[in-house]
């Protein structure tokens, strides 16, 4: 459900996307699934060929093709599931995690996620 258009590699980095899907369980209770998808460069999985020299030692050979494959980008999704409908809070929380991840900040993602999970969110028209 987090990649409704399908999973595929692209030759260029797409901008991040965000949407909320609503799933219902067997008791008809709603679960809000916030999906933040971004694109990350993937390593080429092109195998190197090996040969043995006259002494029986293995040597790596350079690729015979002078054309190297273009860099590809794969989608990666961050998903937050909640019983509460707070799309803007979800977007901000996932955006914070994304920023810390891509900027390589020296902040522990586990601590950030733990702090986000213990936040108190006021319910519309009621107490916290």
C-alpha atoms as a PDB file:
ATOM      1  CA  UNK A   1       0.000   0.000   0.000  1.00  0.00           C
ATOM      2  CA  UNK A   2       2.930   2.400   0.487  1.00  0.00           C
ATOM      3  CA  UNK A   3       3.856   2.369  -3.223  1.00  0.00           C
ATOM      4  CA  UNK A   4       0.529   2.212  -5.080  1.00  0.00           C
ATOM      5  CA  UNK A   5       2.156   2.939  -8.459  1.00  0.00           C
ATOM      6  CA  UNK A   6       4.413  -0.092  -8.078  1.00  0.00           C
ATOM      7  CA  UNK A   7       8.079  -0.475  -7.164  1.00  0.00           C
ATOM      8  CA  UNK A   8      10.530   0.358  -9.917  1.00  0.00           C
ATOM      9  CA  UNK A   9      13.945   1.882 -10.464  1.00  0.00           C
ATOM     10  CA  UNK A  10      14.231   5.302 -12.126  1.00  0.00           C
ATOM     11  CA  UNK A  11      17.152   6.948 -13.939  1.00  0.00           C
ATOM     12  CA  UNK A  12      16.671  10.181 -11.951  1.00  0.00           C
ATOM     13  CA  UNK A  13      15.904  11.109  -8.354  1.00  0.00           C
ATOM     14  CA  UNK A  14      12.240  12.028  -7.936  1.00  0.00           C
ATOM     15  CA  UNK A  15      11.070  14.502  -5.293  1.00  0.00           C
ATOM     16  CA  UNK A  16       9.752  12.983  -2.034  1.00  0.00           C
ATOM     17  CA  UNK A  17       6.035  12.252  -1.831  1.00  0.00           C
ATOM     18  CA  UNK A  18       3.621  11.996   1.092  1.00  0.00           C
ATOM     19  CA  UNK A  19       0.123  10.577   1.384  1.00  0.00           C
ATOM     20  CA  UNK A  20      -2.123   9.006   3.997  1.00  0.00           C
ATOM     21  CA  UNK A  21      -3.990   5.749   3.345  1.00  0.00           C
ATOM     22  CA  UNK A  22      -6.805   4.651   5.616  1.00  0.00           C
ATOM     23  CA  UNK A  23      -6.998   0.939   6.364  1.00  0.00           C
ATOM     24  CA  UNK A  24      -9.718  -0.750   8.387  1.00  0.00           C
ATOM     25  CA  UNK A  25      -9.289  -3.812  10.530  1.00  0.00           C
ATOM     26  CA  UNK A  26     -11.679  -6.700  11.114  1.00  0.00           C
ATOM     27  CA  UNK A  27     -13.594  -4.590  13.671  1.00  0.00           C
ATOM     28  CA  UNK A  28     -14.002  -1.718  11.156  1.00  0.00           C
ATOM     29  CA  UNK A  29     -11.598   0.469  13.148  1.00  0.00           C
ATOM     30  CA  UNK A  30      -9.581   2.924  11.090  1.00  0.00           C
ATOM     31  CA  UNK A  31      -5.811   2.931  10.949  1.00  0.00           C
ATOM     32  CA  UNK A  32      -4.160   5.936   9.314  1.00  0.00           C
ATOM     33  CA  UNK A  33      -1.009   4.959   7.421  1.00  0.00           C
ATOM     34  CA  UNK A  34       1.177   7.932   6.572  1.00  0.00           C
ATOM     35  CA  UNK A  35       3.651   7.140   3.778  1.00  0.00           C
ATOM     36  CA  UNK A  36       6.685   9.303   3.014  1.00  0.00           C
ATOM     37  CA  UNK A  37       8.569   8.001  -0.030  1.00  0.00           C
ATOM     38  CA  UNK A  38      11.943   9.269  -1.194  1.00  0.00           C
ATOM     39  CA  UNK A  39      14.436   8.086  -3.800  1.00  0.00           C
ATOM     40  CA  UNK A  40      17.853   6.715  -2.991  1.00  0.00           C
ATOM     41  CA  UNK A  41      20.732   5.862  -5.323  1.00  0.00           C
ATOM     42  CA  UNK A  42      21.373   2.140  -5.625  1.00  0.00           C
ATOM     43  CA  UNK A  43      24.676   0.395  -6.141  1.00  0.00           C
ATOM     44  CA  UNK A  44      25.248  -1.277  -9.469  1.00  0.00           C
ATOM     45  CA  UNK A  45      24.918  -5.038  -9.076  1.00  0.00           C
ATOM     46  CA  UNK A  46      27.055  -5.731 -12.141  1.00  0.00           C
ATOM     47  CA  UNK A  47      29.272  -8.729 -11.342  1.00  0.00           C
ATOM     48  CA  UNK A  48      32.982  -8.556 -12.063  1.00  0.00           C
ATOM     49  CA  UNK A  49      34.510 -11.328 -14.094  1.00  0.00           C
ATOM     50  CA  UNK A  50      37.478 -13.237 -12.725  1.00  0.00           C
ATOM     51  CA  UNK A  51      40.172 -15.213 -14.484  1.00  0.00           C
ATOM     52  CA  UNK A  52      43.257 -17.116 -13.436  1.00  0.00           C
ATOM     53  CA  UNK A  53      46.711 -16.035 -14.526  1.00  0.00           C
ATOM     54  CA  UNK A  54      49.481 -18.410 -15.525  1.00  0.00           C
ATOM     55  CA  UNK A  55      50.387 -18.979 -11.841  1.00  0.00           C
ATOM     56  CA  UNK A  56      46.842 -20.075 -10.971  1.00  0.00           C
ATOM     57  CA  UNK A  57      46.090 -16.851  -9.095  1.00  0.00           C
ATOM     58  CA  UNK A  58      42.704 -15.215  -9.558  1.00  0.00           C
ATOM     59  CA  UNK A  59      42.692 -11.781 -11.184  1.00  0.00           C
ATOM     60  CA  UNK A  60      39.830  -9.304 -11.588  1.00  0.00           C
ATOM     61  CA  UNK A  61      39.235  -8.143 -15.133  1.00  0.00           C
ATOM     62  CA  UNK A  62      38.073  -4.665 -16.043  1.00  0.00           C
ATOM     63  CA  UNK A  63      34.666  -4.499 -17.671  1.00  0.00           C
ATOM     64  CA  UNK A  64      35.040  -4.987 -21.415  1.00  0.00           C
ATOM     65  CA  UNK A  65      32.344  -2.396 -22.079  1.00  0.00           C
ATOM     66  CA  UNK A  66      33.527   1.245 -22.060  1.00  0.00           C
ATOM     67  CA  UNK A  67      29.941   2.328 -21.330  1.00  0.00           C
ATOM     68  CA  UNK A  68      29.110   2.260 -17.631  1.00  0.00           C
ATOM     69  CA  UNK A  69      25.422   1.873 -16.636  1.00  0.00           C
ATOM     70  CA  UNK A  70      23.665   5.060 -15.526  1.00  0.00           C
ATOM     71  CA  UNK A  71      22.985   5.501 -11.842  1.00  0.00           C
ATOM     72  CA  UNK A  72      19.543   4.283 -10.791  1.00  0.00           C
ATOM     73  CA  UNK A  73      17.298   5.419  -7.953  1.00  0.00           C
ATOM     74  CA  UNK A  74      15.019   3.180  -5.895  1.00  0.00           C
ATOM     75  CA  UNK A  75      12.051   4.254  -3.784  1.00  0.00           C
ATOM     76  CA  UNK A  76      12.339   3.931  -0.009  1.00  0.00           C
ATOM     77  CA  UNK A  77       9.316   4.513   2.211  1.00  0.00           C
ATOM     78  CA  UNK A  78       8.937   5.612   5.804  1.00  0.00           C
ATOM     79  CA  UNK A  79       5.538   4.579   7.193  1.00  0.00           C
ATOM     80  CA  UNK A  80       3.760   5.679  10.356  1.00  0.00           C
ATOM     81  CA  UNK A  81       0.562   3.887  11.426  1.00  0.00           C
ATOM     82  CA  UNK A  82      -1.829   5.498  13.904  1.00  0.00           C
ATOM     83  CA  UNK A  83      -5.424   5.302  15.076  1.00  0.00           C
ATOM     84  CA  UNK A  84      -5.504   9.103  15.141  1.00  0.00           C
ATOM     85  CA  UNK A  85      -6.052  11.260  12.047  1.00  0.00           C
ATOM     86  CA  UNK A  86      -3.303  13.896  12.235  1.00  0.00           C
ATOM     87  CA  UNK A  87      -1.848  14.048   8.722  1.00  0.00           C
ATOM     88  CA  UNK A  88       0.179  17.229   9.318  1.00  0.00           C
ATOM     89  CA  UNK A  89       1.809  15.767  12.456  1.00  0.00           C
ATOM     90  CA  UNK A  90       2.612  12.586  10.510  1.00  0.00           C
ATOM     91  CA  UNK A  91       4.118  14.579   7.623  1.00  0.00           C
ATOM     92  CA  UNK A  92       6.274  16.648   9.989  1.00  0.00           C
ATOM     93  CA  UNK A  93       7.435  13.589  11.951  1.00  0.00           C
ATOM     94  CA  UNK A  94       8.373  11.569   8.874  1.00  0.00           C
ATOM     95  CA  UNK A  95       9.966  14.656   7.305  1.00  0.00           C
ATOM     96  CA  UNK A  96      12.143  15.065  10.414  1.00  0.00           C
ATOM     97  CA  UNK A  97      13.273  11.430  10.251  1.00  0.00           C
ATOM     98  CA  UNK A  98      13.986  11.791   6.522  1.00  0.00           C
ATOM     99  CA  UNK A  99      16.022  14.971   7.041  1.00  0.00           C
ATOM    100  CA  UNK A 100      18.140  13.392   9.777  1.00  0.00           C
ATOM    101  CA  UNK A 101      18.719  10.317   7.595  1.00  0.00           C
ATOM    102  CA  UNK A 102      19.688  12.079   4.348  1.00  0.00           C
ATOM    103  CA  UNK A 103      21.749  14.810   5.992  1.00  0.00           C
ATOM    104  CA  UNK A 104      23.685  12.194   7.969  1.00  0.00           C
ATOM    105  CA  UNK A 105      23.255  14.128  11.201  1.00  0.00           C
ATOM    106  CA  UNK A 106      24.942  12.690  14.267  1.00  0.00           C
ATOM    107  CA  UNK A 107      21.607  12.214  16.010  1.00  0.00           C
ATOM    108  CA  UNK A 108      20.457   8.711  16.882  1.00  0.00           C
ATOM    109  CA  UNK A 109      17.377   7.865  14.798  1.00  0.00           C
ATOM    110  CA  UNK A 110      16.277   5.506  17.571  1.00  0.00           C
ATOM    111  CA  UNK A 111      16.224   8.403  20.071  1.00  0.00           C
ATOM    112  CA  UNK A 112      14.348  10.675  17.652  1.00  0.00           C
ATOM    113  CA  UNK A 113      11.727   8.016  16.944  1.00  0.00           C
ATOM    114  CA  UNK A 114      11.433   7.227  20.672  1.00  0.00           C
ATOM    115  CA  UNK A 115      10.862  10.912  21.426  1.00  0.00           C
ATOM    116  CA  UNK A 116       8.262  11.197  18.652  1.00  0.00           C
ATOM    117  CA  UNK A 117       6.400   8.152  19.977  1.00  0.00           C
ATOM    118  CA  UNK A 118       6.137   9.658  23.466  1.00  0.00           C
ATOM    119  CA  UNK A 119       4.762  13.033  22.302  1.00  0.00           C
ATOM    120  CA  UNK A 120       1.313  13.945  23.533  1.00  0.00           C
ATOM    121  CA  UNK A 121      -0.961  15.133  20.723  1.00  0.00           C
ATOM    122  CA  UNK A 122      -4.067  17.117  21.691  1.00  0.00           C
ATOM    123  CA  UNK A 123      -7.284  15.576  20.425  1.00  0.00           C
ATOM    124  CA  UNK A 124      -9.474  17.984  18.470  1.00  0.00           C
ATOM    125  CA  UNK A 125     -12.027  19.584  20.766  1.00  0.00           C
ATOM    126  CA  UNK A 126     -10.972  17.631  23.836  1.00  0.00           C
ATOM    127  CA  UNK A 127      -8.303  16.920  26.401  1.00  0.00           C
ATOM    128  CA  UNK A 128      -4.865  15.555  25.542  1.00  0.00           C
END
